[in-house]
C-alpha atoms as a PDB file:
ATOM      1  CA  GLU A   1      29.716 -34.674 -64.193  1.00  0.00           C
ATOM      2  CA  GLN A   2      33.309 -34.266 -63.096  1.00  0.00           C
ATOM      3  CA  GLN A   3      33.020 -30.465 -63.208  1.00  0.00           C
ATOM      4  CA  VAL A   4      29.955 -30.554 -60.940  1.00  0.00           C
ATOM      5  CA  TYR A   5      31.761 -32.840 -58.507  1.00  0.00           C
ATOM      6  CA  ASN A   6      34.911 -30.677 -58.534  1.00  0.00           C
ATOM      7  CA  PHE A   7      32.952 -27.472 -57.910  1.00  0.00           C
ATOM      8  CA  MET A   8      30.865 -28.938 -55.090  1.00  0.00           C
ATOM      9  CA  ASN A   9      33.981 -30.501 -53.547  1.00  0.00           C
ATOM     10  CA  GLU A  10      35.641 -27.062 -53.506  1.00  0.00           C
ATOM     11  CA  LEU A  11      32.630 -25.670 -51.627  1.00  0.00           C
ATOM     12  CA  HIS A  12      32.620 -28.682 -49.320  1.00  0.00           C
ATOM     13  CA  THR A  13      36.282 -28.231 -48.343  1.00  0.00           C
ATOM     14  CA  SER A  14      35.907 -24.462 -47.795  1.00  0.00           C
ATOM     15  CA  ALA A  15      34.172 -24.973 -44.409  1.00  0.00           C
ATOM     16  CA  TYR A  16      31.984 -21.908 -45.096  1.00  0.00           C
ATOM     17  CA  PRO A  17      28.288 -22.086 -44.224  1.00  0.00           C
ATOM     18  CA  PHE A  18      26.068 -22.100 -47.315  1.00  0.00           C
ATOM     19  CA  ARG A  19      22.382 -21.406 -47.784  1.00  0.00           C
ATOM     20  CA  THR A  20      21.076 -24.482 -49.568  1.00  0.00           C
ATOM     21  CA  ILE A  21      17.661 -24.104 -51.171  1.00  0.00           C
ATOM     22  CA  ILE A  22      16.086 -27.184 -52.696  1.00  0.00           C
ATOM     23  CA  SER A  23      12.832 -26.995 -54.610  1.00  0.00           C
ATOM     24  CA  GLY A  24      11.186 -29.647 -56.689  1.00  0.00           C
ATOM     25  CA  SER A  25       8.171 -30.290 -58.847  1.00  0.00           C
ATOM     26  CA  GLY A  26       6.142 -31.391 -55.812  1.00  0.00           C
ATOM     27  CA  GLY A  27       5.806 -27.803 -54.601  1.00  0.00           C
ATOM     28  CA  ALA A  28       7.904 -28.161 -51.433  1.00  0.00           C
ATOM     29  CA  ILE A  29      10.906 -25.976 -50.704  1.00  0.00           C
ATOM     30  CA  LEU A  30      13.639 -26.862 -48.197  1.00  0.00           C
ATOM     31  CA  GLU A  31      16.052 -24.189 -46.964  1.00  0.00           C
ATOM     32  CA  SER A  32      18.997 -24.748 -44.653  1.00  0.00           C
ATOM     33  CA  THR A  33      22.114 -22.766 -43.769  1.00  0.00           C
ATOM     34  CA  GLN A  34      25.121 -24.768 -42.628  1.00  0.00           C
ATOM     35  CA  VAL A  35      28.606 -25.964 -43.454  1.00  0.00           C
ATOM     36  CA  LEU A  36      28.240 -28.571 -46.185  1.00  0.00           C
ATOM     37  CA  GLY A  37      29.493 -31.303 -43.863  1.00  0.00           C
ATOM     38  CA  SER A  38      32.221 -33.877 -43.841  1.00  0.00           C
ATOM     39  CA  VAL A  39      30.536 -36.387 -46.151  1.00  0.00           C
ATOM     40  CA  ILE A  40      30.772 -36.107 -49.923  1.00  0.00           C
ATOM     41  CA  LYS A  41      30.392 -39.107 -52.183  1.00  0.00           C
ATOM     42  CA  VAL A  42      29.214 -40.171 -55.614  1.00  0.00           C
ATOM     43  CA  SER A  43      27.095 -43.254 -56.165  1.00  0.00           C
ATOM     44  CA  GLU A  44      25.016 -44.777 -58.929  1.00  0.00           C
ATOM     45  CA  SER A  45      21.478 -45.905 -58.226  1.00  0.00           C
ATOM     46  CA  ALA A  46      21.110 -49.605 -58.980  1.00  0.00           C
ATOM     47  CA  LYS A  47      17.414 -49.058 -59.646  1.00  0.00           C
ATOM     48  CA  SER A  48      17.433 -45.989 -61.934  1.00  0.00           C
ATOM     49  CA  GLY A  49      21.052 -45.711 -63.057  1.00  0.00           C
ATOM     50  CA  ASP A  50      21.095 -42.053 -61.921  1.00  0.00           C
ATOM     51  CA  LEU A  51      24.433 -40.738 -60.716  1.00  0.00           C
ATOM     52  CA  PHE A  52      24.093 -38.974 -57.345  1.00  0.00           C
ATOM     53  CA  LEU A  53      26.436 -36.618 -55.539  1.00  0.00           C
ATOM     54  CA  THR A  54      25.617 -36.814 -51.830  1.00  0.00           C
ATOM     55  CA  MET A  55      26.647 -34.170 -49.313  1.00  0.00           C
ATOM     56  CA  ALA A  56      25.879 -34.692 -45.637  1.00  0.00           C
ATOM     57  CA  SER A  57      26.553 -33.318 -42.176  1.00  0.00           C
ATOM     58  CA  ASP A  58      29.024 -35.094 -39.916  1.00  0.00           C
ATOM     59  CA  ASP A  59      26.341 -37.248 -38.276  1.00  0.00           C
ATOM     60  CA  GLN A  60      24.343 -37.489 -41.539  1.00  0.00           C
ATOM     61  CA  SER A  61      21.284 -36.002 -39.837  1.00  0.00           C
ATOM     62  CA  PHE A  62      21.136 -33.645 -42.830  1.00  0.00           C
ATOM     63  CA  GLU A  63      21.999 -34.772 -46.319  1.00  0.00           C
ATOM     64  CA  PHE A  64      21.052 -33.890 -49.839  1.00  0.00           C
ATOM     65  CA  HIS A  65      21.524 -35.618 -53.148  1.00  0.00           C
ATOM     66  CA  ILE A  66      22.213 -34.043 -56.530  1.00  0.00           C
ATOM     67  CA  LYS A  67      21.533 -35.859 -59.789  1.00  0.00           C
ATOM     68  CA  ILE A  68      24.767 -34.620 -61.292  1.00  0.00           C
ATOM     69  CA  ARG A  69      23.962 -35.644 -64.863  1.00  0.00           C
ATOM     70  CA  LEU A  70      21.056 -33.172 -64.804  1.00  0.00           C
ATOM     71  CA  VAL A  71      23.057 -30.151 -63.616  1.00  0.00           C
ATOM     72  CA  HIS A  72      23.502 -27.703 -66.472  1.00  0.00           C
ATOM     73  CA  LYS A  73      24.598 -24.587 -64.599  1.00  0.00           C
ATOM     74  CA  ILE A  74      25.819 -23.622 -61.117  1.00  0.00           C
ATOM     75  CA  ASN A  75      25.550 -20.100 -59.717  1.00  0.00           C
ATOM     76  CA  LEU A  76      27.255 -19.023 -56.515  1.00  0.00           C
ATOM     77  CA  VAL A  77      26.252 -15.686 -55.002  1.00  0.00           C
ATOM     78  CA  GLU A  78      27.767 -14.014 -51.956  1.00  0.00           C
ATOM     79  CA  ARG A  79      25.656 -11.382 -50.262  1.00  0.00           C
ATOM     80  CA  GLU A  80      26.958  -9.256 -47.400  1.00  0.00           C
ATOM     81  CA  LEU A  81      24.413  -8.699 -44.641  1.00  0.00           C
ATOM     82  CA  PRO A  82      24.905  -6.949 -41.312  1.00  0.00           C
ATOM     83  CA  GLY A  83      27.042  -9.299 -39.242  1.00  0.00           C
ATOM     84  CA  LYS A  84      27.245 -12.147 -41.759  1.00  0.00           C
ATOM     85  CA  THR A  85      27.954 -13.245 -45.299  1.00  0.00           C
ATOM     86  CA  LEU A  86      25.239 -15.187 -47.075  1.00  0.00           C
ATOM     87  CA  ARG A  87      26.474 -17.711 -49.668  1.00  0.00           C
ATOM     88  CA  ILE A  88      23.806 -19.087 -51.989  1.00  0.00           C
ATOM     89  CA  ILE A  89      24.277 -22.015 -54.373  1.00  0.00           C
ATOM     90  CA  ARG A  90      21.860 -22.513 -57.249  1.00  0.00           C
ATOM     91  CA  LEU A  91      22.056 -25.611 -59.445  1.00  0.00           C
ATOM     92  CA  THR A  92      19.816 -25.618 -62.494  1.00  0.00           C
ATOM     93  CA  ASN A  93      19.029 -28.039 -65.291  1.00  0.00           C
ATOM     94  CA  HIS A  94      18.464 -27.299 -68.987  1.00  0.00           C
ATOM     95  CA  ASP A  95      14.823 -26.316 -68.351  1.00  0.00           C
ATOM     96  CA  GLU A  96      15.548 -23.495 -65.895  1.00  0.00           C
END
């Protein structure tokens, strides 16, 4: 849990734009490229007991939540494209 937080905090403080791709079991995929924002916090759900890492834009118009106890592996890939660098973060659980 602490390692996931530390890694994501490093990305958060870098001020680089990242391509965030979120897919779930419901079949939807969300993709967004932006700086990971000024908000980073950890909270525990009173209902489920899950521990969430939340990252959000300055105005919190975009935010995403990571169940950090489920993260097994993090991959970071940098890909050079004409005129820009694409940074892709992939967080996977034990099943992936």
